[in-house]
Amino acid sequence: MKLPGHDAIARQADEHLVTHRVKLPRKVVERPIRQVVKRLVMALAVLVATALIVYADREGYHDNADGSVDLLDAFYYATVTLSTTGYGDITPVSDGARFANIFVITPLRVLFLIILVGTTLEVLTERTREEWRLNRWRSVLRDHTVVVGFGTKGRSAIQTVCATGLKKEQVVVVDPSSKAIDAATAEGFAGVVGDATRSEVLKRAEVHKARQIIIAPQRDDTAVLVTLTARQLNRGAKIVAAVREEENAPLLRQSGADAVITSSGAAGRLLGLSVLSPAAGMVMEDLIQQGSGLDLVERPVVRGEVGKTPRETDDLVVSVVRGHRVLGYDDPSVGALQLTDRLITIVRATPGNQVTPDTRPLPHG
């Protein structure tokens, strides 16, 4: 794979020089600018209504300039009255005009002030509340999962990890598309809008405090750059990356990925297996789909299984994880199971089946 040079990377960074921000999941609320516009329209409607009321009863008002009140004078009077300026050059002189000022125009004045002052306070309060939520979120976020890319692969990865018991509050999505982040926050995940190849974007996702990182962008070169950046920021996190082409997998491993999934290769092998044996293809597809039918589950060895062989356990053991090695169930070096081993088993999917994450640090060269 041919990666872009330094000049190309610099140009790409300049093109993506957009304001990256963190979005926390919340209820659907109108944006502040839309709220302000709506309140201004309401205030303008109150102003027009007041002016029309004054103009309709213009015979009851006196203008010190020329004695009569026209439509412009009515709007002028409404403006200075609602804003509590009150120059006094246009005054109500009839009983009807004064009655209207008491019971109609004065309540409209109060409504006008509530709309304008209330809008300012509401916007400031909302902004303060959002800043407080964001600071609190950053202070308590630990050992979370960062998912780079909210496309098909990223969504499926999130569904899988959440099906094992991971809370949505422990997932942070990073994507350059605002629409993708809006979709992520609508589902209850925190999101960061920005280019994940830039360290400041990953820092906003608190990637340096993450326990695991899933990298699933659309391009292989992006996956390599994100992996390099993420590994530089977090030496101990478990990084799993997806690539389209199998030839790029070694480069991702060299960049710091603990596991690399080749999407096109895996799909091709599943297609070939389904042609040779449709039943085997169905079983493999069932294993891939989390939470239905058969599931692959990683779990620790229980005390009652210590000293037994993988075949002697109640579950169907596929592999044994010992230290940092993954051994087949029939590997002679497995011997008797140890308490520190972990088993990868095939079980019937039930709500109680959850993958117990391996929290041991991984070696990185």
Protein backbone atom coordinates (compact mmCIF):
# COMPACT_ATOMS: atom_id res chain seq x y z
CA MET A 1 0.00 0.00 0.00
CA LYS A 2 1.29 3.42 -0.91
CA LEU A 3 0.79 5.91 1.87
CA PRO A 4 0.53 9.64 1.15
CA GLY A 5 3.70 11.68 1.63
CA HIS A 6 4.24 14.42 4.15
CA ASP A 7 2.95 17.12 1.78
CA ALA A 8 -0.18 15.14 1.02
CA ILE A 9 -0.79 14.52 4.71
CA ALA A 10 -0.38 18.23 5.43
CA ARG A 11 -2.84 19.12 2.68
CA GLN A 12 -5.29 16.55 3.99
CA ALA A 13 -5.00 18.02 7.49
CA ASP A 14 -5.66 21.52 6.13
CA GLU A 15 -8.72 20.29 4.24
CA HIS A 16 -10.09 18.70 7.40
CA LEU A 17 -9.30 21.71 9.56
CA VAL A 18 -12.81 21.86 11.00
CA THR A 19 -13.87 22.54 14.55
CA HIS A 20 -13.85 19.18 16.29
CA ARG A 21 -16.17 18.95 19.25
CA VAL A 22 -17.56 16.44 21.69
CA LYS A 23 -21.24 15.60 21.59
CA LEU A 24 -22.88 13.85 24.53
CA PRO A 25 -26.11 11.90 24.16
CA ARG A 26 -29.14 13.88 25.23
CA LYS A 27 -32.80 14.40 24.49
CA VAL A 28 -33.68 16.13 21.26
CA VAL A 29 -33.40 19.84 21.99
CA GLU A 30 -33.49 22.74 19.56
CA ARG A 31 -30.16 24.34 18.82
CA PRO A 32 -29.52 27.71 20.56
CA ILE A 33 -29.46 29.67 17.29
CA ARG A 34 -32.85 28.21 16.34
CA GLN A 35 -34.22 29.10 19.76
CA VAL A 36 -32.97 32.67 19.40
CA VAL A 37 -34.49 33.03 15.93
CA LYS A 38 -37.81 31.67 17.16
CA ARG A 39 -37.84 34.07 20.11
CA LEU A 40 -36.97 37.02 17.87
CA VAL A 41 -39.85 36.14 15.58
CA MET A 42 -42.16 35.98 18.59
CA ALA A 43 -40.88 39.36 19.82
CA LEU A 44 -41.40 40.86 16.36
CA ALA A 45 -44.95 39.49 16.34
CA VAL A 46 -45.64 41.15 19.70
CA LEU A 47 -44.23 44.43 18.36
CA VAL A 48 -46.41 44.30 15.23
CA ALA A 49 -49.51 43.40 17.27
CA THR A 50 -48.89 46.34 19.61
CA ALA A 51 -48.38 48.74 16.72
CA LEU A 52 -51.61 47.59 15.06
CA ILE A 53 -53.54 48.03 18.31
CA VAL A 54 -52.21 51.59 18.67
CA TYR A 55 -52.93 52.39 15.01
CA ALA A 56 -56.47 51.03 15.27
CA ASP A 57 -57.10 53.46 18.17
CA ARG A 58 -54.97 56.29 16.77
CA GLU A 59 -57.66 58.87 17.50
CA GLY A 60 -57.03 58.29 21.21
CA TYR A 61 -53.34 59.22 20.97
CA HIS A 62 -51.63 62.61 20.66
CA ASP A 63 -48.32 63.25 18.89
CA ASN A 64 -46.51 66.36 20.19
CA ALA A 65 -44.93 66.83 16.76
CA ASP A 66 -48.00 67.14 14.52
CA GLY A 67 -50.91 66.08 16.69
CA SER A 68 -51.90 63.01 14.62
CA VAL A 69 -50.65 59.41 14.76
CA ASP A 70 -50.00 57.49 11.53
CA LEU A 71 -48.75 53.89 11.02
CA LEU A 72 -45.09 54.90 11.41
CA ASP A 73 -45.91 56.71 14.64
CA ALA A 74 -47.76 53.60 15.85
CA PHE A 75 -44.68 51.41 15.29
CA TYR A 76 -42.48 54.06 16.90
CA TYR A 77 -44.75 54.22 19.94
CA ALA A 78 -44.86 50.41 20.18
CA THR A 79 -41.07 50.19 20.01
CA VAL A 80 -40.32 52.76 22.71
CA THR A 81 -43.13 51.44 24.89
CA LEU A 82 -42.21 47.73 24.73
CA SER A 83 -38.54 48.54 25.33
CA THR A 84 -39.61 50.63 28.37
CA THR A 85 -37.86 53.69 26.88
CA GLY A 86 -40.95 55.88 26.89
CA TYR A 87 -39.95 59.30 25.49
CA GLY A 88 -43.43 60.71 26.12
CA ASP A 89 -43.76 62.46 22.73
CA ILE A 90 -46.72 60.21 21.84
CA THR A 91 -49.20 59.73 24.68
CA PRO A 92 -52.62 58.12 25.09
CA VAL A 93 -55.17 60.85 25.81
CA SER A 94 -58.54 59.12 25.46
CA ASP A 95 -60.03 56.75 28.03
CA GLY A 96 -60.07 53.91 25.49
CA ALA A 97 -56.39 54.33 24.64
CA ARG A 98 -55.44 54.41 28.29
CA PHE A 99 -57.62 51.36 28.97
CA ALA A 100 -55.83 49.52 26.14
CA ASN A 101 -52.45 50.54 27.58
CA ILE A 102 -53.35 49.13 30.98
CA PHE A 103 -54.88 45.81 29.97
CA VAL A 104 -53.30 45.07 26.58
CA ILE A 105 -50.10 46.98 25.86
CA THR A 106 -48.60 46.58 29.36
CA PRO A 107 -49.00 42.75 29.32
CA LEU A 108 -47.51 42.78 25.82
CA ARG A 109 -44.58 44.81 27.16
CA VAL A 110 -43.99 42.23 29.90
CA LEU A 111 -44.25 39.41 27.33
CA PHE A 112 -41.79 41.20 25.06
CA LEU A 113 -39.22 41.52 27.86
CA ILE A 114 -39.71 37.90 28.94
CA ILE A 115 -39.09 36.71 25.39
CA LEU A 116 -35.85 38.65 24.91
CA VAL A 117 -34.40 38.32 28.42
CA GLY A 118 -35.58 34.72 28.74
CA THR A 119 -33.88 33.78 25.49
CA THR A 120 -30.55 35.18 26.64
CA LEU A 121 -30.75 33.45 30.00
CA GLU A 122 -31.84 30.17 28.46
CA VAL A 123 -29.01 30.12 25.93
CA LEU A 124 -26.43 30.98 28.60
CA THR A 125 -27.87 28.39 30.98
CA GLU A 126 -27.89 25.70 28.29
CA ARG A 127 -24.29 26.47 27.36
CA THR A 128 -23.20 26.39 31.00
CA ARG A 129 -25.04 23.14 31.61
CA GLU A 130 -23.45 21.56 28.53
CA GLU A 131 -19.97 22.65 29.63
CA TRP A 132 -20.60 21.22 33.09
CA ARG A 133 -21.78 17.90 31.63
CA LEU A 134 -18.75 17.76 29.35
CA ASN A 135 -16.28 18.43 32.17
CA ARG A 136 -17.94 15.88 34.41
CA TRP A 137 -17.97 13.33 31.58
CA ARG A 138 -14.24 13.79 31.04
CA SER A 139 -13.47 13.48 34.74
CA VAL A 140 -15.30 10.17 35.24
CA LEU A 141 -14.53 8.50 31.90
CA ARG A 142 -12.11 5.60 32.42
CA ASP A 143 -11.42 2.26 30.73
CA HIS A 144 -13.90 3.03 27.97
CA THR A 145 -14.09 1.90 24.35
CA VAL A 146 -13.27 4.27 21.51
CA VAL A 147 -14.74 3.41 18.10
CA VAL A 148 -13.28 5.24 15.11
CA GLY A 149 -15.77 5.23 12.25
CA PHE A 150 -19.53 4.90 12.61
CA GLY A 151 -20.15 3.10 9.34
CA THR A 152 -21.39 -0.45 8.89
CA LYS A 153 -18.31 -2.00 10.51
CA GLY A 154 -18.24 0.44 13.39
CA ARG A 155 -21.94 0.02 14.15
CA SER A 156 -21.68 -3.76 14.09
CA ALA A 157 -18.65 -3.67 16.39
CA ILE A 158 -20.51 -1.45 18.88
CA GLN A 159 -23.56 -3.72 18.81
CA THR A 160 -21.35 -6.71 19.53
CA VAL A 161 -19.48 -5.20 22.48
CA CYS A 162 -22.68 -3.75 23.93
CA ALA A 163 -24.36 -7.16 23.64
CA THR A 164 -21.73 -8.48 26.05
CA GLY A 165 -22.75 -6.02 28.76
CA LEU A 166 -20.73 -2.91 27.93
CA LYS A 167 -22.73 0.19 28.85
CA LYS A 168 -23.40 2.81 26.21
CA GLU A 169 -21.90 5.44 28.50
CA GLN A 170 -18.56 3.63 28.09
CA VAL A 171 -18.48 4.01 24.29
CA VAL A 172 -17.11 7.06 22.49
CA VAL A 173 -17.51 7.33 18.71
CA VAL A 174 -15.13 9.37 16.54
CA ASP A 175 -16.14 10.24 12.99
CA PRO A 176 -15.51 13.20 10.65
CA SER A 177 -19.19 13.31 9.68
CA SER A 178 -21.55 15.37 11.84
CA LYS A 179 -24.48 13.28 10.65
CA ALA A 180 -22.76 10.09 11.78
CA ILE A 181 -22.06 11.56 15.22
CA ASP A 182 -25.66 12.80 15.46
CA ALA A 183 -26.80 9.23 14.75
CA ALA A 184 -24.40 7.90 17.39
CA THR A 185 -25.56 10.34 20.07
CA ALA A 186 -29.18 9.55 19.19
CA GLU A 187 -28.42 5.93 20.09
CA GLY A 188 -26.95 6.94 23.44
CA PHE A 189 -23.21 7.10 22.68
CA ALA A 190 -20.87 10.04 23.18
CA GLY A 191 -19.39 11.32 19.95
CA VAL A 192 -16.47 13.41 18.74
CA VAL A 193 -16.65 15.13 15.35
CA GLY A 194 -13.25 15.27 13.68
CA ASP A 195 -10.46 13.54 11.80
CA ALA A 196 -9.16 10.68 13.97
CA THR A 197 -5.71 10.84 12.35
CA ARG A 198 -5.13 14.03 14.36
CA SER A 199 -4.00 13.52 17.95
CA GLU A 200 -6.07 16.40 19.34
CA VAL A 201 -9.25 14.74 18.09
CA LEU A 202 -8.38 11.45 19.77
CA LYS A 203 -7.47 13.32 22.94
CA ARG A 204 -10.98 14.78 23.00
CA ALA A 205 -12.24 11.19 22.95
CA GLU A 206 -10.00 10.56 26.00
CA VAL A 207 -8.23 7.82 24.03
CA HIS A 208 -5.27 7.96 26.43
CA LYS A 209 -7.58 6.60 29.14
CA ALA A 210 -9.35 4.02 26.95
CA ARG A 211 -9.10 0.27 27.56
CA GLN A 212 -9.84 -0.77 24.00
CA ILE A 213 -9.92 0.98 20.63
CA ILE A 214 -11.81 -0.21 17.56
CA ILE A 215 -10.61 1.32 14.30
CA ALA A 216 -13.02 0.91 11.38
CA PRO A 217 -12.64 3.77 8.87
CA GLN A 218 -13.48 3.58 5.18
CA ARG A 219 -9.86 3.69 3.91
CA ASP A 220 -6.89 1.48 4.75
CA ASP A 221 -4.39 4.35 4.82
CA THR A 222 -6.63 6.16 7.30
CA ALA A 223 -6.70 3.03 9.47
CA VAL A 224 -2.89 2.94 9.51
CA LEU A 225 -2.55 6.61 10.48
CA VAL A 226 -5.22 6.32 13.19
CA THR A 227 -3.57 3.19 14.60
CA LEU A 228 -0.18 4.92 14.74
CA THR A 229 -1.67 7.95 16.47
CA ALA A 230 -3.76 5.91 18.92
CA ARG A 231 -0.85 3.67 19.87
CA GLN A 232 1.34 6.71 20.45
CA LEU A 233 -1.25 8.17 22.83
CA ASN A 234 -2.07 4.91 24.62
CA ARG A 235 0.57 2.18 24.96
CA GLY A 236 -1.57 -0.22 26.96
CA ALA A 237 -4.93 -0.20 25.16
CA LYS A 238 -6.10 -3.16 23.11
CA ILE A 239 -6.37 -1.96 19.51
CA VAL A 240 -8.39 -3.84 16.92
CA ALA A 241 -8.42 -2.51 13.36
CA ALA A 242 -10.23 -3.41 10.15
CA VAL A 243 -8.78 -3.22 6.65
CA ARG A 244 -10.22 -3.93 3.24
CA GLU A 245 -7.15 -5.47 1.62
CA GLU A 246 -5.26 -8.34 3.24
CA GLU A 247 -1.90 -7.03 2.02
CA ASN A 248 -2.27 -4.04 4.35
CA ALA A 249 -2.77 -6.15 7.49
CA PRO A 250 0.96 -6.50 8.29
CA LEU A 251 1.40 -2.73 8.10
CA LEU A 252 -1.40 -2.26 10.62
CA ARG A 253 0.20 -4.77 12.98
CA GLN A 254 3.48 -2.91 12.69
CA SER A 255 1.62 0.31 13.47
CA GLY A 256 0.51 -1.11 16.82
CA ALA A 257 -2.73 -3.03 16.22
CA ASP A 258 -3.17 -6.10 18.42
CA ALA A 259 -5.61 -7.69 15.99
CA VAL A 260 -6.42 -6.95 12.35
CA ILE A 261 -9.62 -8.01 10.63
CA THR A 262 -9.62 -8.18 6.83
CA SER A 263 -13.17 -7.39 5.82
CA SER A 264 -12.93 -8.29 2.14
CA GLY A 265 -10.94 -11.47 2.83
CA ALA A 266 -13.33 -12.62 5.55
CA ALA A 267 -16.34 -11.97 3.33
CA GLY A 268 -14.67 -13.85 0.46
CA ARG A 269 -13.86 -16.87 2.62
CA LEU A 270 -17.42 -16.95 3.92
CA LEU A 271 -18.72 -16.82 0.36
CA GLY A 272 -16.45 -19.68 -0.69
CA LEU A 273 -17.42 -21.76 2.34
CA SER A 274 -21.10 -21.17 1.62
CA VAL A 275 -20.62 -22.41 -1.96
CA LEU A 276 -18.78 -25.55 -0.85
CA SER A 277 -21.11 -26.22 2.09
CA PRO A 278 -24.19 -24.01 2.56
CA ALA A 279 -24.79 -25.56 5.97
CA ALA A 280 -21.26 -24.74 7.14
CA GLY A 281 -21.70 -21.22 5.81
CA MET A 282 -24.90 -20.84 7.82
CA VAL A 283 -23.13 -22.03 10.98
CA MET A 284 -20.30 -19.56 10.46
CA GLU A 285 -22.75 -16.72 9.85
CA ASP A 286 -24.61 -17.74 13.01
CA LEU A 287 -21.37 -17.58 14.99
CA ILE A 288 -20.60 -14.12 13.61
CA GLN A 289 -24.00 -12.72 14.60
CA GLN A 290 -23.87 -11.84 18.28
CA GLY A 291 -26.79 -12.74 20.53
CA SER A 292 -28.60 -15.26 18.35
CA GLY A 293 -28.16 -18.99 17.80
CA LEU A 294 -24.59 -20.00 18.58
CA ASP A 295 -22.04 -17.57 20.00
CA LEU A 296 -18.30 -17.58 20.55
CA VAL A 297 -17.67 -16.69 24.19
CA GLU A 298 -14.40 -16.09 25.99
CA ARG A 299 -14.50 -16.87 29.68
CA PRO A 300 -12.07 -17.67 32.52
CA VAL A 301 -11.46 -21.20 33.73
CA VAL A 302 -13.48 -22.00 36.86
CA ARG A 303 -11.97 -23.88 39.78
CA GLY A 304 -13.93 -27.04 38.99
CA GLU A 305 -12.22 -27.23 35.59
CA VAL A 306 -8.64 -26.89 36.85
CA GLY A 307 -6.67 -30.04 36.06
CA LYS A 308 -9.07 -31.18 33.33
CA THR A 309 -8.42 -31.25 29.60
CA PRO A 310 -10.44 -29.00 27.25
CA ARG A 311 -12.47 -32.01 26.09
CA GLU A 312 -13.53 -32.80 29.66
CA THR A 313 -15.30 -29.48 30.25
CA ASP A 314 -19.05 -29.09 29.89
CA ASP A 315 -18.71 -26.46 27.17
CA LEU A 316 -17.47 -26.96 23.62
CA VAL A 317 -13.95 -25.51 23.88
CA VAL A 318 -12.41 -24.20 20.66
CA SER A 319 -9.20 -22.65 21.97
CA VAL A 320 -7.31 -22.02 25.19
CA VAL A 321 -5.76 -18.62 25.90
CA ARG A 322 -2.65 -19.10 28.02
CA GLY A 323 -0.58 -16.03 28.69
CA HIS A 324 -0.40 -14.29 25.33
CA ARG A 325 -0.75 -17.48 23.30
CA VAL A 326 -3.91 -18.88 21.74
CA LEU A 327 -3.73 -22.67 21.65
CA GLY A 328 -6.09 -25.06 19.89
CA TYR A 329 -8.18 -27.38 21.99
CA ASP A 330 -6.16 -30.35 20.65
CA ASP A 331 -2.74 -28.76 21.08
CA PRO A 332 -0.59 -31.19 23.11
CA SER A 333 1.04 -28.27 24.93
CA VAL A 334 -2.28 -27.37 26.57
CA GLY A 335 -2.26 -30.38 28.87
CA ALA A 336 -4.36 -29.73 31.98
CA LEU A 337 -6.25 -26.48 32.33
CA GLN A 338 -4.87 -23.88 34.72
CA LEU A 339 -6.75 -21.32 36.80
CA THR A 340 -5.14 -18.46 34.88
CA ASP A 341 -6.26 -19.84 31.50
CA ARG A 342 -9.16 -18.48 29.50
CA LEU A 343 -11.41 -20.58 27.31
CA ILE A 344 -12.96 -19.69 23.97
CA THR A 345 -16.12 -21.77 23.76
CA ILE A 346 -19.16 -22.20 21.54
CA VAL A 347 -22.40 -21.86 23.51
CA ARG A 348 -26.07 -21.40 22.81
CA ALA A 349 -26.79 -17.66 22.89
CA THR A 350 -28.70 -16.52 25.98
CA PRO A 351 -29.04 -13.11 27.66
CA GLY A 352 -26.59 -14.28 30.32
CA ASN A 353 -23.79 -15.14 27.93
CA GLN A 354 -21.24 -12.36 28.11
CA VAL A 355 -17.65 -12.12 27.02
CA THR A 356 -15.46 -11.41 30.02
CA PRO A 357 -12.83 -8.97 28.78
CA ASP A 358 -9.18 -9.74 29.24
CA THR A 359 -7.76 -6.88 31.31
CA ARG A 360 -4.16 -8.05 31.24
CA PRO A 361 -1.69 -5.69 29.55
CA LEU A 362 -0.53 -6.64 26.10
CA PRO A 363 3.09 -6.58 24.99
CA HIS A 364 4.05 -4.06 22.32
CA GLY A 365 7.28 -4.05 20.51
